[in-house]
Protein backbone atom coordinates (compact mmCIF):
# COMPACT_ATOMS: atom_id res chain seq x y z
CA MET A 1 97.55 114.77 132.73
CA LYS A 2 98.97 118.11 131.27
CA ARG A 3 101.45 117.82 133.95
CA THR A 4 101.85 114.34 133.07
CA LEU A 5 102.77 115.30 129.09
CA LEU A 6 104.90 118.11 130.28
CA ILE A 7 107.26 115.36 132.65
CA THR A 8 107.08 112.73 129.69
CA VAL A 9 108.42 115.38 127.01
CA ALA A 10 111.05 116.93 129.16
CA ALA A 11 112.80 113.66 130.43
CA SER A 12 112.64 112.51 126.39
CA LEU A 13 114.52 115.54 125.64
CA LEU A 14 117.02 115.15 128.45
CA LEU A 15 117.56 111.64 127.27
CA THR A 16 118.25 112.88 123.81
CA VAL A 17 120.78 115.62 124.83
CA THR A 18 122.06 113.22 127.11
CA GLY A 19 122.19 109.79 126.23
CA CYS A 20 123.93 109.02 122.85
CA GLU A 21 125.44 106.09 123.09
CA LYS A 22 123.92 103.03 122.54
CA THR A 23 123.61 100.60 125.84
CA SER A 24 123.48 96.85 126.14
CA SER A 25 119.59 96.92 126.22
CA ASP A 26 119.56 99.11 123.15
CA GLN A 27 120.89 96.79 121.24
CA SER A 28 118.82 94.27 122.54
CA SER A 29 115.76 95.79 121.90
CA SER A 30 116.93 96.32 118.15
CA VAL A 31 117.88 92.72 117.67
CA ASP A 32 114.59 91.80 118.74
CA ILE A 33 112.63 93.91 116.45
CA THR A 34 115.09 92.67 113.41
CA THR A 35 114.26 88.82 114.71
CA GLN A 36 110.39 90.17 114.48
CA GLU A 37 110.66 91.20 110.76
CA THR A 38 112.59 88.45 109.77
CA GLU A 39 109.91 85.60 111.53
CA MET A 40 107.28 87.85 109.99
CA ASN A 41 108.09 87.42 106.43
CA ALA A 42 110.19 84.15 107.14
CA TRP A 43 108.21 82.65 104.02
CA LEU A 44 110.19 85.56 101.36
CA LEU A 45 112.69 83.97 99.83
CA THR A 46 116.09 86.31 98.85
CA ILE A 47 117.65 83.59 96.67
CA ALA A 48 115.75 81.67 94.00
CA PRO A 49 115.63 78.42 94.15
CA GLU A 50 116.66 76.11 91.64
CA GLU A 51 115.03 73.88 89.27
CA ALA A 52 111.61 74.64 89.71
CA VAL A 53 109.16 73.72 86.87
CA SER A 54 106.09 74.65 85.14
CA ILE A 55 102.79 74.80 86.91
CA THR A 56 101.21 72.00 83.83
CA THR A 57 104.27 69.81 84.70
CA ALA A 58 103.81 69.77 88.55
CA LYS A 59 100.17 68.85 87.83
CA ALA A 60 101.31 66.12 85.44
CA ASN A 61 104.13 64.57 87.78
CA HIS A 62 102.84 65.67 91.37
CA LYS A 63 100.45 64.48 93.94
CA GLU A 64 99.56 64.89 96.94
CA GLY A 65 102.27 65.31 100.03
CA ASP A 66 104.95 65.92 96.99
CA SER A 67 107.38 68.53 97.94
CA VAL A 68 107.58 71.30 94.92
CA VAL A 69 109.34 74.02 92.79
CA ILE A 70 107.32 75.62 90.67
CA ARG A 71 107.25 78.95 88.64
CA GLY A 72 104.54 80.90 87.82
CA ARG A 73 102.76 84.19 87.24
CA ILE A 74 99.95 85.89 90.16
CA GLY A 75 97.21 86.00 88.46
CA GLY A 76 94.19 84.16 86.93
CA ARG A 77 91.31 85.69 88.04
CA TYR A 78 90.34 89.65 88.69
CA SER A 79 91.96 89.78 92.25
CA PRO A 80 94.17 87.22 92.43
CA ILE A 81 95.91 88.48 95.80
CA SER A 82 95.09 90.42 98.63
CA SER A 83 95.82 91.55 101.89
CA GLU A 84 93.19 89.47 103.79
CA SER A 85 94.42 86.41 102.84
CA SER A 86 97.42 84.14 101.95
CA VAL A 87 96.00 82.54 98.92
CA PHE A 88 96.29 83.44 95.61
CA THR A 89 96.51 82.33 92.23
CA ILE A 90 99.47 81.47 90.10
CA VAL A 91 99.31 80.64 85.91
CA ASP A 92 101.83 79.03 83.91
CA LEU A 93 104.10 81.13 81.95
CA GLY A 94 103.23 79.61 78.86
CA LEU A 95 100.11 81.16 78.81
CA PRO A 96 100.39 84.35 77.79
CA TYR A 97 98.58 86.97 79.63
CA CYS A 98 96.20 88.95 78.09
CA GLY A 99 97.62 91.75 76.61
CA GLU A 100 101.19 89.95 76.61
CA HIS A 101 101.72 90.14 73.15
CA GLU A 102 99.66 92.57 71.35
CA GLU A 103 100.14 96.42 71.34
CA LYS A 104 96.66 96.73 72.79
CA GLY A 105 96.47 96.58 75.80
CA CYS A 106 93.59 95.10 78.66
CA SER A 107 92.56 96.46 81.55
CA THR A 108 93.32 93.59 83.68
CA PRO A 109 95.40 91.57 82.53
CA TRP A 110 95.71 89.49 85.33
CA ASP A 111 92.52 87.81 85.37
CA TYR A 112 93.42 86.02 81.88
CA CYS A 113 89.89 87.09 80.35
CA CYS A 114 91.02 86.39 77.09
CA GLU A 115 90.90 82.58 77.29
CA THR A 116 88.51 80.19 78.41
CA SER A 117 88.00 79.16 82.05
CA GLY A 118 88.59 75.82 81.22
CA THR A 119 92.38 76.93 79.63
CA ILE A 120 92.46 78.96 83.18
CA THR A 121 91.97 75.99 85.43
CA ASN A 122 94.14 73.25 83.43
CA ASN A 123 97.25 76.12 83.69
CA SER A 124 97.15 77.67 87.11
CA ALA A 125 97.15 76.51 90.39
CA THR A 126 95.90 77.62 93.90
CA VAL A 127 98.65 78.88 96.30
CA GLN A 128 98.35 79.03 99.89
CA ILE A 129 101.59 80.25 102.22
CA VAL A 130 102.21 78.60 105.41
CA SER A 131 104.28 80.16 107.46
CA GLN A 132 104.40 80.88 111.36
CA GLY A 133 105.02 84.71 111.16
CA SER A 134 102.15 87.02 109.28
CA VAL A 135 101.08 86.82 106.02
CA ASP A 136 100.30 89.93 103.82
CA PRO A 137 101.71 89.16 100.28
CA ILE A 138 100.43 92.96 99.31
CA ALA A 139 102.60 93.89 102.11
CA ALA A 140 105.41 92.02 101.03
CA GLY A 141 105.29 94.00 97.45
CA LEU A 142 104.05 91.05 95.74
CA LYS A 143 101.37 91.80 93.14
CA PRO A 144 99.46 90.81 89.79
CA LEU A 145 101.55 89.51 87.03
CA ASP A 146 104.72 89.40 89.50
CA GLU A 147 106.68 86.43 88.24
CA VAL A 148 107.47 84.04 91.50
CA ILE A 149 108.66 80.88 92.23
CA LEU A 150 107.19 79.00 95.18
CA VAL A 151 108.70 76.16 97.32
CA GLY A 152 106.20 74.24 99.00
CA THR A 153 103.98 70.64 99.24
CA VAL A 154 101.23 69.76 96.68
CA GLY A 155 97.93 70.00 99.05
CA PRO A 156 94.75 68.08 98.72
CA ARG A 157 93.46 67.16 94.94
CA PRO A 158 89.87 66.70 95.12
CA ASN A 159 90.34 66.13 91.18
CA GLU A 160 92.39 66.33 88.65
CA GLU A 161 91.98 69.50 87.31
CA THR A 162 92.43 71.14 91.00
CA PHE A 163 95.83 72.24 91.88
CA THR A 164 97.30 73.59 95.36
CA ILE A 165 100.10 74.38 96.85
CA GLN A 166 101.39 74.90 100.64
CA ALA A 167 104.06 77.20 100.29
CA THR A 168 106.54 77.90 102.38
CA GLY A 169 108.52 79.89 100.34
CA VAL A 170 108.39 82.53 98.22
CA TYR A 171 110.61 83.87 95.48
CA ARG A 172 110.00 87.13 93.40
CA THR A 173 111.65 87.14 90.40
CA ASP A 174 112.67 90.25 87.95
CA GLY A 175 111.05 88.27 85.29
């Protein structure tokens, strides 16, 4: 075991000293890694989609299966986003989060605790990111109260209050 480790270390050092030139196979593996990273985060958009509508507008005018571009803020519940799930809640920008317009803060502004549950429901949507690659919204840098623009399709609507979006793309705005 120690001999194998010693040989491995010696071989690594030898390659480091003698091999500074990239071969085509080195370049190929670099491209493969970049491609894998791109596929993993294919749902993250680098350019803001145009003509985004509010959640309340989309709720009033779109039905299941319609394509949508929606702008909102991650929030609406105590833990609106997690690394274990590709599902999170967004809230209409017209509904201020707790403490947004007040000097005194709120320790959990993303849960909109200063609003009634009915108001939150009327101004929110449940988002599921649907992507070929892996989806970890937190690892991708999304966090509560981030303003986002979503591209996707309206999901099943069991009632007028429930609005779901099957998002294929998410763009995080600068606010």
